[in-house]
Amino acid sequence: MLAGFRHVSDLPLGSAARAPLWEAETVFIFGQSLPSDALAFVELYDLPAGTDAAMTGRQ
């Protein structure tokens, strides 16, 4: 299955709509223009601190 999500931050925490994201074995995360989307990825996948800044180019 291939799924694309434009704004992960639009999916509420605990929402069943996030299930495909939780179940994914491989995730490709591209640059994010919105800090809220970058932070949502960091929280969802337990990424290292500062990863959200790298995704938005705010290093």
PDB file of N, CA and C in Angstrom:
ATOM      1  N   MET A   1       0.843  -1.163   0.000  1.00  0.00           N
ATOM      2  CA  MET A   1       0.000   0.000   0.000  1.00  0.00           C
ATOM      3  C   MET A   1       0.893   1.232   0.000  1.00  0.00           C
ATOM      4  N   LEU A   2       0.480   2.225  -0.718  1.00  0.00           N
ATOM      5  CA  LEU A   2       1.175   3.503  -0.754  1.00  0.00           C
ATOM      6  C   LEU A   2       0.179   4.578  -0.342  1.00  0.00           C
ATOM      7  N   ALA A   3       0.552   5.380   0.621  1.00  0.00           N
ATOM      8  CA  ALA A   3      -0.341   6.446   1.091  1.00  0.00           C
ATOM      9  C   ALA A   3       0.465   7.728   1.201  1.00  0.00           C
ATOM     10  N   GLY A   4      -0.165   8.834   0.868  1.00  0.00           N
ATOM     11  CA  GLY A   4       0.469  10.133   1.003  1.00  0.00           C
ATOM     12  C   GLY A   4      -0.397  11.040   1.856  1.00  0.00           C
ATOM     13  N   PHE A   5       0.223  11.750   2.754  1.00  0.00           N
ATOM     14  CA  PHE A   5      -0.493  12.674   3.629  1.00  0.00           C
ATOM     15  C   PHE A   5       0.130  14.045   3.484  1.00  0.00           C
ATOM     16  N   ARG A   6      -0.689  15.016   3.234  1.00  0.00           N
ATOM     17  CA  ARG A   6      -0.182  16.370   3.010  1.00  0.00           C
ATOM     18  C   ARG A   6       0.154  17.083   4.314  1.00  0.00           C
ATOM     19  N   HIS A   7      -0.778  17.083   5.249  1.00  0.00           N
ATOM     20  CA  HIS A   7      -0.557  17.763   6.533  1.00  0.00           C
ATOM     21  C   HIS A   7      -0.879  16.787   7.661  1.00  0.00           C
ATOM     22  N   VAL A   8       0.135  16.130   8.165  1.00  0.00           N
ATOM     23  CA  VAL A   8      -0.069  15.171   9.246  1.00  0.00           C
ATOM     24  C   VAL A   8      -0.662  15.856  10.468  1.00  0.00           C
ATOM     25  N   SER A   9      -0.325  17.103  10.672  1.00  0.00           N
ATOM     26  CA  SER A   9      -0.837  17.820  11.848  1.00  0.00           C
ATOM     27  C   SER A   9      -2.348  18.015  11.780  1.00  0.00           C
ATOM     28  N   ASP A  10      -2.955  17.818  10.602  1.00  0.00           N
ATOM     29  CA  ASP A  10      -4.419  17.916  10.488  1.00  0.00           C
ATOM     30  C   ASP A  10      -5.123  16.693  11.066  1.00  0.00           C
ATOM     31  N   LEU A  11      -4.390  15.611  11.263  1.00  0.00           N
ATOM     32  CA  LEU A  11      -4.974  14.391  11.821  1.00  0.00           C
ATOM     33  C   LEU A  11      -4.830  14.441  13.338  1.00  0.00           C
ATOM     34  N   PRO A  12      -5.931  14.454  14.061  1.00  0.00           N
ATOM     35  CA  PRO A  12      -5.858  14.567  15.519  1.00  0.00           C
ATOM     36  C   PRO A  12      -5.096  13.405  16.156  1.00  0.00           C
ATOM     37  N   LEU A  13      -4.409  13.684  17.251  1.00  0.00           N
ATOM     38  CA  LEU A  13      -3.731  12.628  18.004  1.00  0.00           C
ATOM     39  C   LEU A  13      -4.760  11.583  18.402  1.00  0.00           C
ATOM     40  N   GLY A  14      -4.414  10.332  18.251  1.00  0.00           N
ATOM     41  CA  GLY A  14      -5.320   9.247  18.601  1.00  0.00           C
ATOM     42  C   GLY A  14      -6.336   8.907  17.531  1.00  0.00           C
ATOM     43  N   SER A  15      -6.331   9.641  16.424  1.00  0.00           N
ATOM     44  CA  SER A  15      -7.288   9.408  15.348  1.00  0.00           C
ATOM     45  C   SER A  15      -6.958   8.114  14.604  1.00  0.00           C
ATOM     46  N   ALA A  16      -7.991   7.367  14.233  1.00  0.00           N
ATOM     47  CA  ALA A  16      -7.803   6.148  13.434  1.00  0.00           C
ATOM     48  C   ALA A  16      -7.209   6.480  12.070  1.00  0.00           C
ATOM     49  N   ALA A  17      -7.337   7.712  11.632  1.00  0.00           N
ATOM     50  CA  ALA A  17      -6.773   8.129  10.348  1.00  0.00           C
ATOM     51  C   ALA A  17      -5.247   8.086  10.354  1.00  0.00           C
ATOM     52  N   ARG A  18      -4.661   8.057  11.531  1.00  0.00           N
ATOM     53  CA  ARG A  18      -3.195   7.964  11.634  1.00  0.00           C
ATOM     54  C   ARG A  18      -2.697   6.522  11.576  1.00  0.00           C
ATOM     55  N   ALA A  19      -3.603   5.543  11.567  1.00  0.00           N
ATOM     56  CA  ALA A  19      -3.212   4.132  11.586  1.00  0.00           C
ATOM     57  C   ALA A  19      -2.247   3.761  10.458  1.00  0.00           C
ATOM     58  N   PRO A  20      -2.488   4.186   9.199  1.00  0.00           N
ATOM     59  CA  PRO A  20      -1.520   3.827   8.155  1.00  0.00           C
ATOM     60  C   PRO A  20      -0.118   4.378   8.440  1.00  0.00           C
ATOM     61  N   LEU A  21      -0.045   5.494   9.133  1.00  0.00           N
ATOM     62  CA  LEU A  21       1.257   6.066   9.475  1.00  0.00           C
ATOM     63  C   LEU A  21       1.947   5.239  10.554  1.00  0.00           C
ATOM     64  N   TRP A  22       1.177   4.784  11.542  1.00  0.00           N
ATOM     65  CA  TRP A  22       1.751   3.981  12.626  1.00  0.00           C
ATOM     66  C   TRP A  22       2.224   2.626  12.128  1.00  0.00           C
ATOM     67  N   GLU A  23       1.486   2.055  11.178  1.00  0.00           N
ATOM     68  CA  GLU A  23       1.760   0.699  10.713  1.00  0.00           C
ATOM     69  C   GLU A  23       2.844   0.630   9.634  1.00  0.00           C
ATOM     70  N   ALA A  24       3.233   1.741   9.106  1.00  0.00           N
ATOM     71  CA  ALA A  24       4.209   1.753   8.011  1.00  0.00           C
ATOM     72  C   ALA A  24       5.547   1.186   8.459  1.00  0.00           C
ATOM     73  N   GLU A  25       6.136   0.358   7.604  1.00  0.00           N
ATOM     74  CA  GLU A  25       7.464  -0.177   7.895  1.00  0.00           C
ATOM     75  C   GLU A  25       8.559   0.726   7.348  1.00  0.00           C
ATOM     76  N   THR A  26       8.251   1.483   6.318  1.00  0.00           N
ATOM     77  CA  THR A  26       9.200   2.425   5.724  1.00  0.00           C
ATOM     78  C   THR A  26       8.499   3.764   5.558  1.00  0.00           C
ATOM     79  N   VAL A  27       9.145   4.821   5.984  1.00  0.00           N
ATOM     80  CA  VAL A  27       8.552   6.151   5.913  1.00  0.00           C
ATOM     81  C   VAL A  27       9.545   7.093   5.238  1.00  0.00           C
ATOM     82  N   PHE A  28       9.058   7.838   4.260  1.00  0.00           N
ATOM     83  CA  PHE A  28       9.850   8.876   3.615  1.00  0.00           C
ATOM     84  C   PHE A  28       9.258  10.210   4.042  1.00  0.00           C
ATOM     85  N   ILE A  29      10.045  11.018   4.687  1.00  0.00           N
ATOM     86  CA  ILE A  29       9.585  12.327   5.154  1.00  0.00           C
ATOM     87  C   ILE A  29      10.379  13.376   4.388  1.00  0.00           C
ATOM     88  N   PHE A  30       9.679  14.165   3.611  1.00  0.00           N
ATOM     89  CA  PHE A  30      10.323  15.207   2.828  1.00  0.00           C
ATOM     90  C   PHE A  30      10.276  16.519   3.594  1.00  0.00           C
ATOM     91  N   GLY A  31      10.934  17.529   3.089  1.00  0.00           N
ATOM     92  CA  GLY A  31      10.929  18.840   3.726  1.00  0.00           C
ATOM     93  C   GLY A  31       9.520  19.319   4.011  1.00  0.00           C
ATOM     94  N   GLN A  32       9.339  19.933   5.129  1.00  0.00           N
ATOM     95  CA  GLN A  32       8.035  20.425   5.544  1.00  0.00           C
ATOM     96  C   GLN A  32       8.082  21.947   5.629  1.00  0.00           C
ATOM     97  N   SER A  33       7.052  22.597   5.070  1.00  0.00           N
ATOM     98  CA  SER A  33       7.022  24.058   5.123  1.00  0.00           C
ATOM     99  C   SER A  33       6.388  24.573   6.414  1.00  0.00           C
ATOM    100  N   LEU A  34       5.556  23.761   7.031  1.00  0.00           N
ATOM    101  CA  LEU A  34       4.897  24.175   8.268  1.00  0.00           C
ATOM    102  C   LEU A  34       5.577  23.544   9.481  1.00  0.00           C
ATOM    103  N   PRO A  35       6.003  24.351  10.437  1.00  0.00           N
ATOM    104  CA  PRO A  35       6.599  23.790  11.649  1.00  0.00           C
ATOM    105  C   PRO A  35       5.679  22.803  12.354  1.00  0.00           C
ATOM    106  N   SER A  36       4.369  23.036  12.300  1.00  0.00           N
ATOM    107  CA  SER A  36       3.430  22.120  12.966  1.00  0.00           C
ATOM    108  C   SER A  36       3.458  20.736  12.328  1.00  0.00           C
ATOM    109  N   ASP A  37       3.622  20.664  11.003  1.00  0.00           N
ATOM    110  CA  ASP A  37       3.710  19.364  10.332  1.00  0.00           C
ATOM    111  C   ASP A  37       5.012  18.664  10.699  1.00  0.00           C
ATOM    112  N   ALA A  38       6.105  19.400  10.721  1.00  0.00           N
ATOM    113  CA  ALA A  38       7.397  18.818  11.085  1.00  0.00           C
ATOM    114  C   ALA A  38       7.356  18.280  12.507  1.00  0.00           C
ATOM    115  N   LEU A  39       6.779  19.044  13.428  1.00  0.00           N
ATOM    116  CA  LEU A  39       6.688  18.610  14.817  1.00  0.00           C
ATOM    117  C   LEU A  39       5.787  17.381  14.938  1.00  0.00           C
ATOM    118  N   ALA A  40       4.722  17.303  14.140  1.00  0.00           N
ATOM    119  CA  ALA A  40       3.835  16.138  14.158  1.00  0.00           C
ATOM    120  C   ALA A  40       4.593  14.874  13.764  1.00  0.00           C
ATOM    121  N   PHE A  41       5.482  14.973  12.770  1.00  0.00           N
ATOM    122  CA  PHE A  41       6.292  13.821  12.382  1.00  0.00           C
ATOM    123  C   PHE A  41       7.245  13.430  13.500  1.00  0.00           C
ATOM    124  N   VAL A  42       7.868  14.406  14.131  1.00  0.00           N
ATOM    125  CA  VAL A  42       8.805  14.129  15.223  1.00  0.00           C
ATOM    126  C   VAL A  42       8.089  13.388  16.343  1.00  0.00           C
ATOM    127  N   GLU A  43       6.900  13.839  16.694  1.00  0.00           N
ATOM    128  CA  GLU A  43       6.143  13.212  17.773  1.00  0.00           C
ATOM    129  C   GLU A  43       5.636  11.829  17.362  1.00  0.00           C
ATOM    130  N   LEU A  44       5.146  11.702  16.140  1.00  0.00           N
ATOM    131  CA  LEU A  44       4.571  10.440  15.673  1.00  0.00           C
ATOM    132  C   LEU A  44       5.608   9.331  15.610  1.00  0.00           C
ATOM    133  N   TYR A  45       6.803   9.646  15.119  1.00  0.00           N
ATOM    134  CA  TYR A  45       7.834   8.633  14.932  1.00  0.00           C
ATOM    135  C   TYR A  45       8.950   8.687  15.972  1.00  0.00           C
ATOM    136  N   ASP A  46       8.764   9.488  17.015  1.00  0.00           N
ATOM    137  CA  ASP A  46       9.738   9.589  18.099  1.00  0.00           C
ATOM    138  C   ASP A  46      11.139   9.881  17.549  1.00  0.00           C
ATOM    139  N   LEU A  47      11.204  10.882  16.679  1.00  0.00           N
ATOM    140  CA  LEU A  47      12.466  11.279  16.053  1.00  0.00           C
ATOM    141  C   LEU A  47      13.301  12.119  17.028  1.00  0.00           C
ATOM    142  N   PRO A  48      14.604  12.202  16.808  1.00  0.00           N
ATOM    143  CA  PRO A  48      15.469  12.970  17.703  1.00  0.00           C
ATOM    144  C   PRO A  48      15.095  14.461  17.737  1.00  0.00           C
ATOM    145  N   ALA A  49      15.349  15.069  18.869  1.00  0.00           N
ATOM    146  CA  ALA A  49      15.110  16.502  19.018  1.00  0.00           C
ATOM    147  C   ALA A  49      15.880  17.268  17.954  1.00  0.00           C
ATOM    148  N   GLY A  50      15.273  18.277  17.395  1.00  0.00           N
ATOM    149  CA  GLY A  50      15.906  19.092  16.376  1.00  0.00           C
ATOM    150  C   GLY A  50      15.602  18.635  14.960  1.00  0.00           C
ATOM    151  N   THR A  51      15.035  17.439  14.817  1.00  0.00           N
ATOM    152  CA  THR A  51      14.698  16.938  13.487  1.00  0.00           C
ATOM    153  C   THR A  51      13.666  17.835  12.820  1.00  0.00           C
ATOM    154  N   ASP A  52      12.741  18.390  13.597  1.00  0.00           N
ATOM    155  CA  ASP A  52      11.714  19.261  13.021  1.00  0.00           C
ATOM    156  C   ASP A  52      12.350  20.505  12.406  1.00  0.00           C
ATOM    157  N   ALA A  53      13.371  21.039  13.051  1.00  0.00           N
ATOM    158  CA  ALA A  53      14.051  22.218  12.495  1.00  0.00           C
ATOM    159  C   ALA A  53      14.750  21.873  11.192  1.00  0.00           C
ATOM    160  N   ALA A  54      15.349  20.684  11.130  1.00  0.00           N
ATOM    161  CA  ALA A  54      16.019  20.259   9.891  1.00  0.00           C
ATOM    162  C   ALA A  54      15.022  20.084   8.753  1.00  0.00           C
ATOM    163  N   MET A  55      13.827  19.584   9.058  1.00  0.00           N
ATOM    164  CA  MET A  55      12.811  19.371   8.020  1.00  0.00           C
ATOM    165  C   MET A  55      12.298  20.682   7.443  1.00  0.00           C
ATOM    166  N   THR A  56      12.307  21.727   8.240  1.00  0.00           N
ATOM    167  CA  THR A  56      11.782  23.010   7.766  1.00  0.00           C
ATOM    168  C   THR A  56      12.887  23.965   7.343  1.00  0.00           C
ATOM    169  N   GLY A  57      14.129  23.519   7.449  1.00  0.00           N
ATOM    170  CA  GLY A  57      15.249  24.377   7.053  1.00  0.00           C
ATOM    171  C   GLY A  57      15.560  25.468   8.056  1.00  0.00           C
ATOM    172  N   ARG A  58      15.153  25.279   9.320  1.00  0.00           N
ATOM    173  CA  ARG A  58      15.376  26.280  10.373  1.00  0.00           C
ATOM    174  C   ARG A  58      16.582  25.943  11.226  1.00  0.00           C
ATOM    175  N   GLN A  59      17.542  25.224  10.699  1.00  0.00           N
ATOM    176  CA  GLN A  59      18.705  24.796  11.491  1.00  0.00           C
ATOM    177  C   GLN A  59      19.531  25.961  11.951  1.00  0.00           C
TER     178      GLN A  59
END
